[in-house]
């Protein structure tokens, strides 16, 4: 296993960080990300493997690591009271998890696997020690994290101030876009989250999400086959 305390940055660290540099085009970023993540040797870092419904960390736990999703899907959840939860995001391949802890010192939400998931574990203090050896690398690190956080906020903005059916349509359009950017099929994909999870993300009830999906299906915009969504008219989803 590479030590993050070494003065010279391990090549895989440089690859993981530099491939997120904002000066690259989206296609280059995604391509280099996939290559970097897929070529990480099993001994390079701690690879955290989670089963469906297994918890990565809980809200309030001390912050020590950040995680890069290698495979699978998670949901990040904040509890508003003892019975209600708000889903903040659905991290998938190439997404960072745990960035909120950088400023808080502890985790600001629960992170729970939706599928069999594998994550690259990066001890944050060690990562900073490596980055401080190279100002350009340190800047790239913070820019990458800032971009990831901004992307989460943009995702939330997409869902704001529209009707229920439009929110569900925009959510599906967002999922298709995320798949496409990672080189995954975007016209047909399985949703690993439940209708209830989608509702908790969009601020809708389970029943409302189901009705909206049925309406989009009946209109011919999508075809719903259990958890698999076939996009028929993508341009209608984001309206």
C-alpha atoms as a PDB file:
ATOM      1  CA  UNK A   1       0.000   0.000   0.000  1.00  0.00           C
ATOM      2  CA  UNK A   2       1.319   3.461  -0.884  1.00  0.00           C
ATOM      3  CA  UNK A   3       2.074   5.774   2.022  1.00  0.00           C
ATOM      4  CA  UNK A   4       0.618   9.253   1.804  1.00  0.00           C
ATOM      5  CA  UNK A   5       3.331  10.473   4.148  1.00  0.00           C
ATOM      6  CA  UNK A   6       6.038  10.195   1.464  1.00  0.00           C
ATOM      7  CA  UNK A   7       7.421  13.475   0.170  1.00  0.00           C
ATOM      8  CA  UNK A   8       6.981  12.397  -3.440  1.00  0.00           C
ATOM      9  CA  UNK A   9       3.402  12.006  -4.584  1.00  0.00           C
ATOM     10  CA  UNK A  10       2.647   8.419  -5.723  1.00  0.00           C
ATOM     11  CA  UNK A  11       1.792   8.344  -9.449  1.00  0.00           C
ATOM     12  CA  UNK A  12      -1.727   7.112  -8.789  1.00  0.00           C
ATOM     13  CA  UNK A  13      -2.382  10.146  -6.522  1.00  0.00           C
ATOM     14  CA  UNK A  14      -1.222  12.451  -9.302  1.00  0.00           C
ATOM     15  CA  UNK A  15      -3.412  10.619 -11.777  1.00  0.00           C
ATOM     16  CA  UNK A  16      -6.497  10.801  -9.572  1.00  0.00           C
ATOM     17  CA  UNK A  17      -6.071  14.517  -8.901  1.00  0.00           C
ATOM     18  CA  UNK A  18      -4.759  15.784 -12.209  1.00  0.00           C
ATOM     19  CA  UNK A  19      -7.476  14.015 -14.162  1.00  0.00           C
ATOM     20  CA  UNK A  20      -9.949  16.280 -12.340  1.00  0.00           C
ATOM     21  CA  UNK A  21      -8.224  19.506 -13.390  1.00  0.00           C
ATOM     22  CA  UNK A  22     -10.920  21.957 -14.572  1.00  0.00           C
ATOM     23  CA  UNK A  23      -8.841  23.063 -17.577  1.00  0.00           C
ATOM     24  CA  UNK A  24      -9.591  19.791 -19.339  1.00  0.00           C
ATOM     25  CA  UNK A  25     -12.657  19.216 -21.453  1.00  0.00           C
ATOM     26  CA  UNK A  26     -15.462  17.152 -19.960  1.00  0.00           C
ATOM     27  CA  UNK A  27     -14.625  14.281 -22.299  1.00  0.00           C
ATOM     28  CA  UNK A  28     -10.948  14.304 -21.299  1.00  0.00           C
ATOM     29  CA  UNK A  29     -11.811  14.518 -17.622  1.00  0.00           C
ATOM     30  CA  UNK A  30     -14.181  11.571 -17.780  1.00  0.00           C
ATOM     31  CA  UNK A  31     -11.863   9.502 -19.941  1.00  0.00           C
ATOM     32  CA  UNK A  32      -8.845  10.003 -17.726  1.00  0.00           C
ATOM     33  CA  UNK A  33     -10.945   9.471 -14.598  1.00  0.00           C
ATOM     34  CA  UNK A  34     -12.210   6.122 -15.842  1.00  0.00           C
ATOM     35  CA  UNK A  35      -8.707   5.067 -16.824  1.00  0.00           C
ATOM     36  CA  UNK A  36      -7.270   6.143 -13.472  1.00  0.00           C
ATOM     37  CA  UNK A  37      -9.984   4.497 -11.412  1.00  0.00           C
ATOM     38  CA  UNK A  38     -10.025   1.259 -13.397  1.00  0.00           C
ATOM     39  CA  UNK A  39      -6.250   0.848 -13.249  1.00  0.00           C
ATOM     40  CA  UNK A  40      -5.844   1.356  -9.510  1.00  0.00           C
ATOM     41  CA  UNK A  41      -4.035  -1.762  -8.294  1.00  0.00           C
ATOM     42  CA  UNK A  42      -5.746  -3.542  -5.428  1.00  0.00           C
ATOM     43  CA  UNK A  43      -2.772  -2.864  -3.130  1.00  0.00           C
ATOM     44  CA  UNK A  44      -2.441   0.857  -3.921  1.00  0.00           C
ATOM     45  CA  UNK A  45      -4.987   2.180  -1.439  1.00  0.00           C
ATOM     46  CA  UNK A  46      -7.555   0.734   0.882  1.00  0.00           C
ATOM     47  CA  UNK A  47     -10.497  -0.295  -1.284  1.00  0.00           C
ATOM     48  CA  UNK A  48     -13.693  -0.165   0.731  1.00  0.00           C
ATOM     49  CA  UNK A  49     -16.332  -2.663  -0.380  1.00  0.00           C
ATOM     50  CA  UNK A  50     -19.949  -2.255   0.709  1.00  0.00           C
ATOM     51  CA  UNK A  51     -22.981  -4.454   0.372  1.00  0.00           C
ATOM     52  CA  UNK A  52     -26.407  -2.968  -0.442  1.00  0.00           C
ATOM     53  CA  UNK A  53     -27.759  -1.008   2.561  1.00  0.00           C
ATOM     54  CA  UNK A  54     -24.355  -1.074   4.279  1.00  0.00           C
ATOM     55  CA  UNK A  55     -23.313   2.252   5.846  1.00  0.00           C
ATOM     56  CA  UNK A  56     -20.060   3.943   4.827  1.00  0.00           C
ATOM     57  CA  UNK A  57     -20.298   6.566   7.586  1.00  0.00           C
ATOM     58  CA  UNK A  58     -22.930   8.238   9.723  1.00  0.00           C
ATOM     59  CA  UNK A  59     -23.768  11.896  10.190  1.00  0.00           C
ATOM     60  CA  UNK A  60     -21.708  13.309  13.056  1.00  0.00           C
ATOM     61  CA  UNK A  61     -18.897  10.758  12.873  1.00  0.00           C
ATOM     62  CA  UNK A  62     -15.356  12.214  12.829  1.00  0.00           C
ATOM     63  CA  UNK A  63     -14.014  13.080   9.394  1.00  0.00           C
ATOM     64  CA  UNK A  64     -10.784  11.311   8.418  1.00  0.00           C
ATOM     65  CA  UNK A  65     -11.135  10.100   4.842  1.00  0.00           C
ATOM     66  CA  UNK A  66     -12.599  11.105   1.534  1.00  0.00           C
ATOM     67  CA  UNK A  67     -13.773   8.466  -0.903  1.00  0.00           C
ATOM     68  CA  UNK A  68     -13.838   8.126  -4.657  1.00  0.00           C
ATOM     69  CA  UNK A  69     -16.526   5.787  -5.974  1.00  0.00           C
ATOM     70  CA  UNK A  70     -14.977   3.124  -8.186  1.00  0.00           C
ATOM     71  CA  UNK A  71     -18.093   1.064  -8.857  1.00  0.00           C
ATOM     72  CA  UNK A  72     -21.663   1.036  -7.603  1.00  0.00           C
ATOM     73  CA  UNK A  73     -24.134   3.562  -6.219  1.00  0.00           C
ATOM     74  CA  UNK A  74     -24.781   5.182  -2.847  1.00  0.00           C
ATOM     75  CA  UNK A  75     -27.213   7.663  -1.373  1.00  0.00           C
ATOM     76  CA  UNK A  76     -26.309  10.457   1.023  1.00  0.00           C
ATOM     77  CA  UNK A  77     -28.987  11.195   3.601  1.00  0.00           C
ATOM     78  CA  UNK A  78     -29.653  13.839   6.223  1.00  0.00           C
ATOM     79  CA  UNK A  79     -32.309  13.129   8.854  1.00  0.00           C
ATOM     80  CA  UNK A  80     -34.728  15.983   9.513  1.00  0.00           C
ATOM     81  CA  UNK A  81     -36.269  14.178  12.479  1.00  0.00           C
ATOM     82  CA  UNK A  82     -36.619  10.633  13.790  1.00  0.00           C
ATOM     83  CA  UNK A  83     -38.940   9.517  10.984  1.00  0.00           C
ATOM     84  CA  UNK A  84     -38.063  11.622   7.921  1.00  0.00           C
ATOM     85  CA  UNK A  85     -34.951  11.707   5.803  1.00  0.00           C
ATOM     86  CA  UNK A  86     -33.796  13.971   2.996  1.00  0.00           C
ATOM     87  CA  UNK A  87     -31.693  12.424   0.247  1.00  0.00           C
ATOM     88  CA  UNK A  88     -28.968  14.853  -0.800  1.00  0.00           C
ATOM     89  CA  UNK A  89     -27.295  13.017  -3.659  1.00  0.00           C
ATOM     90  CA  UNK A  90     -26.799   9.670  -5.351  1.00  0.00           C
ATOM     91  CA  UNK A  91     -23.010   9.257  -5.741  1.00  0.00           C
ATOM     92  CA  UNK A  92     -21.927   6.893  -8.518  1.00  0.00           C
ATOM     93  CA  UNK A  93     -18.706   5.984 -10.325  1.00  0.00           C
ATOM     94  CA  UNK A  94     -16.146   8.846 -10.284  1.00  0.00           C
ATOM     95  CA  UNK A  95     -18.021  10.850  -7.627  1.00  0.00           C
ATOM     96  CA  UNK A  96     -16.369  11.976  -4.395  1.00  0.00           C
ATOM     97  CA  UNK A  97     -18.031  11.158  -1.070  1.00  0.00           C
ATOM     98  CA  UNK A  98     -17.310  12.874   2.241  1.00  0.00           C
ATOM     99  CA  UNK A  99     -16.155  16.281   1.026  1.00  0.00           C
ATOM    100  CA  UNK A 100     -18.468  18.103   3.436  1.00  0.00           C
ATOM    101  CA  UNK A 101     -16.273  16.905   6.303  1.00  0.00           C
ATOM    102  CA  UNK A 102     -13.359  19.075   5.139  1.00  0.00           C
ATOM    103  CA  UNK A 103     -14.943  22.187   6.587  1.00  0.00           C
ATOM    104  CA  UNK A 104     -17.026  20.606   9.356  1.00  0.00           C
ATOM    105  CA  UNK A 105     -14.505  18.223  10.900  1.00  0.00           C
ATOM    106  CA  UNK A 106     -17.200  15.568  10.990  1.00  0.00           C
ATOM    107  CA  UNK A 107     -19.540  14.041   8.441  1.00  0.00           C
ATOM    108  CA  UNK A 108     -22.669  16.027   7.649  1.00  0.00           C
ATOM    109  CA  UNK A 109     -24.813  13.143   6.425  1.00  0.00           C
ATOM    110  CA  UNK A 110     -25.160   9.378   6.278  1.00  0.00           C
ATOM    111  CA  UNK A 111     -23.658   7.603   3.250  1.00  0.00           C
ATOM    112  CA  UNK A 112     -25.353   4.293   2.468  1.00  0.00           C
ATOM    113  CA  UNK A 113     -24.701   1.849  -0.379  1.00  0.00           C
ATOM    114  CA  UNK A 114     -27.604   1.192  -2.745  1.00  0.00           C
ATOM    115  CA  UNK A 115     -25.755  -1.559  -4.625  1.00  0.00           C
ATOM    116  CA  UNK A 116     -22.567  -3.549  -4.214  1.00  0.00           C
ATOM    117  CA  UNK A 117     -20.126  -0.657  -4.150  1.00  0.00           C
ATOM    118  CA  UNK A 118     -16.368  -0.208  -4.163  1.00  0.00           C
ATOM    119  CA  UNK A 119     -14.650   3.010  -3.113  1.00  0.00           C
ATOM    120  CA  UNK A 120     -11.054   4.201  -3.035  1.00  0.00           C
ATOM    121  CA  UNK A 121     -10.260   5.437   0.489  1.00  0.00           C
ATOM    122  CA  UNK A 122      -7.996   8.498   0.706  1.00  0.00           C
ATOM    123  CA  UNK A 123      -6.873   9.670   4.191  1.00  0.00           C
ATOM    124  CA  UNK A 124      -7.407  13.415   3.935  1.00  0.00           C
ATOM    125  CA  UNK A 125      -4.531  14.642   6.107  1.00  0.00           C
ATOM    126  CA  UNK A 126      -2.091  12.414   4.266  1.00  0.00           C
ATOM    127  CA  UNK A 127      -3.464  13.630   0.954  1.00  0.00           C
ATOM    128  CA  UNK A 128      -2.889  17.236   2.041  1.00  0.00           C
ATOM    129  CA  UNK A 129       0.668  16.430   3.071  1.00  0.00           C
ATOM    130  CA  UNK A 130       1.343  15.070  -0.405  1.00  0.00           C
ATOM    131  CA  UNK A 131      -0.353  18.002  -2.139  1.00  0.00           C
ATOM    132  CA  UNK A 132       1.574  20.604  -0.121  1.00  0.00           C
ATOM    133  CA  UNK A 133       4.773  19.434  -1.757  1.00  0.00           C
ATOM    134  CA  UNK A 134       3.506  20.886  -5.020  1.00  0.00           C
ATOM    135  CA  UNK A 135       1.448  24.132  -5.043  1.00  0.00           C
ATOM    136  CA  UNK A 136      -0.028  23.268  -8.444  1.00  0.00           C
ATOM    137  CA  UNK A 137      -1.150  19.887  -7.161  1.00  0.00           C
ATOM    138  CA  UNK A 138      -2.632  21.452  -4.027  1.00  0.00           C
ATOM    139  CA  UNK A 139      -4.569  23.945  -6.147  1.00  0.00           C
ATOM    140  CA  UNK A 140      -5.814  21.139  -8.384  1.00  0.00           C
ATOM    141  CA  UNK A 141      -6.972  19.244  -5.312  1.00  0.00           C
ATOM    142  CA  UNK A 142      -9.104  22.096  -3.985  1.00  0.00           C
ATOM    143  CA  UNK A 143     -10.410  23.006  -7.426  1.00  0.00           C
ATOM    144  CA  UNK A 144     -11.488  19.405  -7.960  1.00  0.00           C
ATOM    145  CA  UNK A 145     -13.332  19.330  -4.646  1.00  0.00           C
ATOM    146  CA  UNK A 146     -14.912  22.717  -5.309  1.00  0.00           C
ATOM    147  CA  UNK A 147     -16.147  21.567  -8.714  1.00  0.00           C
ATOM    148  CA  UNK A 148     -17.605  18.400  -7.198  1.00  0.00           C
ATOM    149  CA  UNK A 149     -19.444  20.404  -4.544  1.00  0.00           C
ATOM    150  CA  UNK A 150     -20.734  22.869  -7.130  1.00  0.00           C
ATOM    151  CA  UNK A 151     -22.031  19.986  -9.247  1.00  0.00           C
ATOM    152  CA  UNK A 152     -24.091  18.762  -6.280  1.00  0.00           C
ATOM    153  CA  UNK A 153     -25.572  22.230  -5.857  1.00  0.00           C
ATOM    154  CA  UNK A 154     -26.399  22.469  -9.566  1.00  0.00           C
ATOM    155  CA  UNK A 155     -28.135  19.113  -9.374  1.00  0.00           C
ATOM    156  CA  UNK A 156     -30.315  20.425  -6.561  1.00  0.00           C
ATOM    157  CA  UNK A 157     -31.074  23.614  -8.502  1.00  0.00           C
ATOM    158  CA  UNK A 158     -32.357  21.548 -11.440  1.00  0.00           C
ATOM    159  CA  UNK A 159     -35.114  20.238  -9.217  1.00  0.00           C
ATOM    160  CA  UNK A 160     -36.266  23.573  -7.832  1.00  0.00           C
ATOM    161  CA  UNK A 161     -39.402  25.559  -8.603  1.00  0.00           C
ATOM    162  CA  UNK A 162     -41.091  23.143 -11.016  1.00  0.00           C
ATOM    163  CA  UNK A 163     -44.063  20.788 -10.812  1.00  0.00           C
ATOM    164  CA  UNK A 164     -43.838  17.177  -9.710  1.00  0.00           C
ATOM    165  CA  UNK A 165     -43.811  15.657 -13.199  1.00  0.00           C
ATOM    166  CA  UNK A 166     -41.167  18.134 -14.346  1.00  0.00           C
ATOM    167  CA  UNK A 167     -38.988  17.319 -11.334  1.00  0.00           C
ATOM    168  CA  UNK A 168     -39.130  13.621 -12.096  1.00  0.00           C
ATOM    169  CA  UNK A 169     -38.411  14.326 -15.775  1.00  0.00           C
ATOM    170  CA  UNK A 170     -35.433  16.502 -14.885  1.00  0.00           C
ATOM    171  CA  UNK A 171     -34.187  13.854 -12.479  1.00  0.00           C
ATOM    172  CA  UNK A 172     -34.233  11.244 -15.249  1.00  0.00           C
ATOM    173  CA  UNK A 173     -32.519  13.668 -17.629  1.00  0.00           C
ATOM    174  CA  UNK A 174     -29.840  14.276 -14.991  1.00  0.00           C
ATOM    175  CA  UNK A 175     -29.286  10.547 -14.514  1.00  0.00           C
ATOM    176  CA  UNK A 176     -28.995  10.065 -18.283  1.00  0.00           C
ATOM    177  CA  UNK A 177     -26.461  12.912 -18.442  1.00  0.00           C
ATOM    178  CA  UNK A 178     -24.396  11.438 -15.609  1.00  0.00           C
ATOM    179  CA  UNK A 179     -24.344   8.050 -17.331  1.00  0.00           C
ATOM    180  CA  UNK A 180     -23.325   9.590 -20.645  1.00  0.00           C
ATOM    181  CA  UNK A 181     -20.437  11.535 -19.096  1.00  0.00           C
ATOM    182  CA  UNK A 182     -19.055   8.281 -17.713  1.00  0.00           C
ATOM    183  CA  UNK A 183     -19.329   6.432 -20.976  1.00  0.00           C
ATOM    184  CA  UNK A 184     -22.312   4.391 -19.762  1.00  0.00           C
ATOM    185  CA  UNK A 185     -25.580   3.781 -21.667  1.00  0.00           C
ATOM    186  CA  UNK A 186     -27.741   6.871 -21.334  1.00  0.00           C
ATOM    187  CA  UNK A 187     -30.844   5.874 -23.273  1.00  0.00           C
ATOM    188  CA  UNK A 188     -31.638   2.884 -21.040  1.00  0.00           C
ATOM    189  CA  UNK A 189     -30.440   2.402 -17.472  1.00  0.00           C
ATOM    190  CA  UNK A 190     -31.536   0.888 -14.188  1.00  0.00           C
ATOM    191  CA  UNK A 191     -32.361   3.132 -11.254  1.00  0.00           C
ATOM    192  CA  UNK A 192     -30.729   1.595  -8.178  1.00  0.00           C
ATOM    193  CA  UNK A 193     -32.707   3.802  -5.813  1.00  0.00           C
ATOM    194  CA  UNK A 194     -36.297   3.212  -4.742  1.00  0.00           C
ATOM    195  CA  UNK A 195     -39.218   5.465  -5.662  1.00  0.00           C
ATOM    196  CA  UNK A 196     -39.196   6.540  -2.015  1.00  0.00           C
ATOM    197  CA  UNK A 197     -35.531   7.577  -2.306  1.00  0.00           C
ATOM    198  CA  UNK A 198     -36.287   9.555  -5.465  1.00  0.00           C
ATOM    199  CA  UNK A 199     -39.136  11.282  -3.649  1.00  0.00           C
ATOM    200  CA  UNK A 200     -36.882  12.106  -0.686  1.00  0.00           C
ATOM    201  CA  UNK A 201     -34.422  13.696  -3.142  1.00  0.00           C
ATOM    202  CA  UNK A 202     -37.061  15.657  -5.047  1.00  0.00           C
ATOM    203  CA  UNK A 203     -39.260  16.614  -2.112  1.00  0.00           C
ATOM    204  CA  UNK A 204     -42.129  14.440  -3.334  1.00  0.00           C
ATOM    205  CA  UNK A 205     -44.067  11.510  -1.936  1.00  0.00           C
ATOM    206  CA  UNK A 206     -43.537   7.971  -3.198  1.00  0.00           C
ATOM    207  CA  UNK A 207     -47.031   8.020  -4.707  1.00  0.00           C
ATOM    208  CA  UNK A 208     -46.361  11.277  -6.557  1.00  0.00           C
ATOM    209  CA  UNK A 209     -43.127   9.902  -8.033  1.00  0.00           C
ATOM    210  CA  UNK A 210     -44.952   6.767  -9.194  1.00  0.00           C
ATOM    211  CA  UNK A 211     -47.746   8.826 -10.791  1.00  0.00           C
ATOM    212  CA  UNK A 212     -45.226  11.066 -12.563  1.00  0.00           C
ATOM    213  CA  UNK A 213     -43.331   8.076 -13.969  1.00  0.00           C
ATOM    214  CA  UNK A 214     -46.601   6.542 -15.140  1.00  0.00           C
ATOM    215  CA  UNK A 215     -47.622   9.808 -16.806  1.00  0.00           C
ATOM    216  CA  UNK A 216     -44.283  10.118 -18.620  1.00  0.00           C
ATOM    217  CA  UNK A 217     -44.605   6.503 -19.705  1.00  0.00           C
ATOM    218  CA  UNK A 218     -48.177   6.975 -20.937  1.00  0.00           C
ATOM    219  CA  UNK A 219     -47.121  10.050 -22.913  1.00  0.00           C
ATOM    220  CA  UNK A 220     -44.374   8.055 -24.655  1.00  0.00           C
ATOM    221  CA  UNK A 221     -41.538  10.153 -23.235  1.00  0.00           C
ATOM    222  CA  UNK A 222     -40.079   7.147 -21.428  1.00  0.00           C
ATOM    223  CA  UNK A 223     -40.773   3.442 -21.079  1.00  0.00           C
ATOM    224  CA  UNK A 224     -40.702   2.097 -17.530  1.00  0.00           C
ATOM    225  CA  UNK A 225     -39.755  -1.556 -17.105  1.00  0.00           C
ATOM    226  CA  UNK A 226     -39.644  -2.044 -13.329  1.00  0.00           C
ATOM    227  CA  UNK A 227     -36.448  -0.202 -12.329  1.00  0.00           C
ATOM    228  CA  UNK A 228     -35.154   0.143 -15.888  1.00  0.00           C
ATOM    229  CA  UNK A 229     -35.908   3.418 -17.654  1.00  0.00           C
ATOM    230  CA  UNK A 230     -35.833   3.636 -21.444  1.00  0.00           C
ATOM    231  CA  UNK A 231     -35.575   7.238 -22.645  1.00  0.00           C
ATOM    232  CA  UNK A 232     -37.688   7.680 -25.785  1.00  0.00           C
ATOM    233  CA  UNK A 233     -37.781  11.482 -26.146  1.00  0.00           C
ATOM    234  CA  UNK A 234     -34.959  12.922 -24.074  1.00  0.00           C
ATOM    235  CA  UNK A 235     -35.657  16.522 -25.100  1.00  0.00           C
ATOM    236  CA  UNK A 236     -39.086  16.349 -23.417  1.00  0.00           C
ATOM    237  CA  UNK A 237     -37.652  15.390 -20.021  1.00  0.00           C
ATOM    238  CA  UNK A 238     -35.853  18.613 -19.168  1.00  0.00           C
ATOM    239  CA  UNK A 239     -38.761  20.925 -20.035  1.00  0.00           C
END
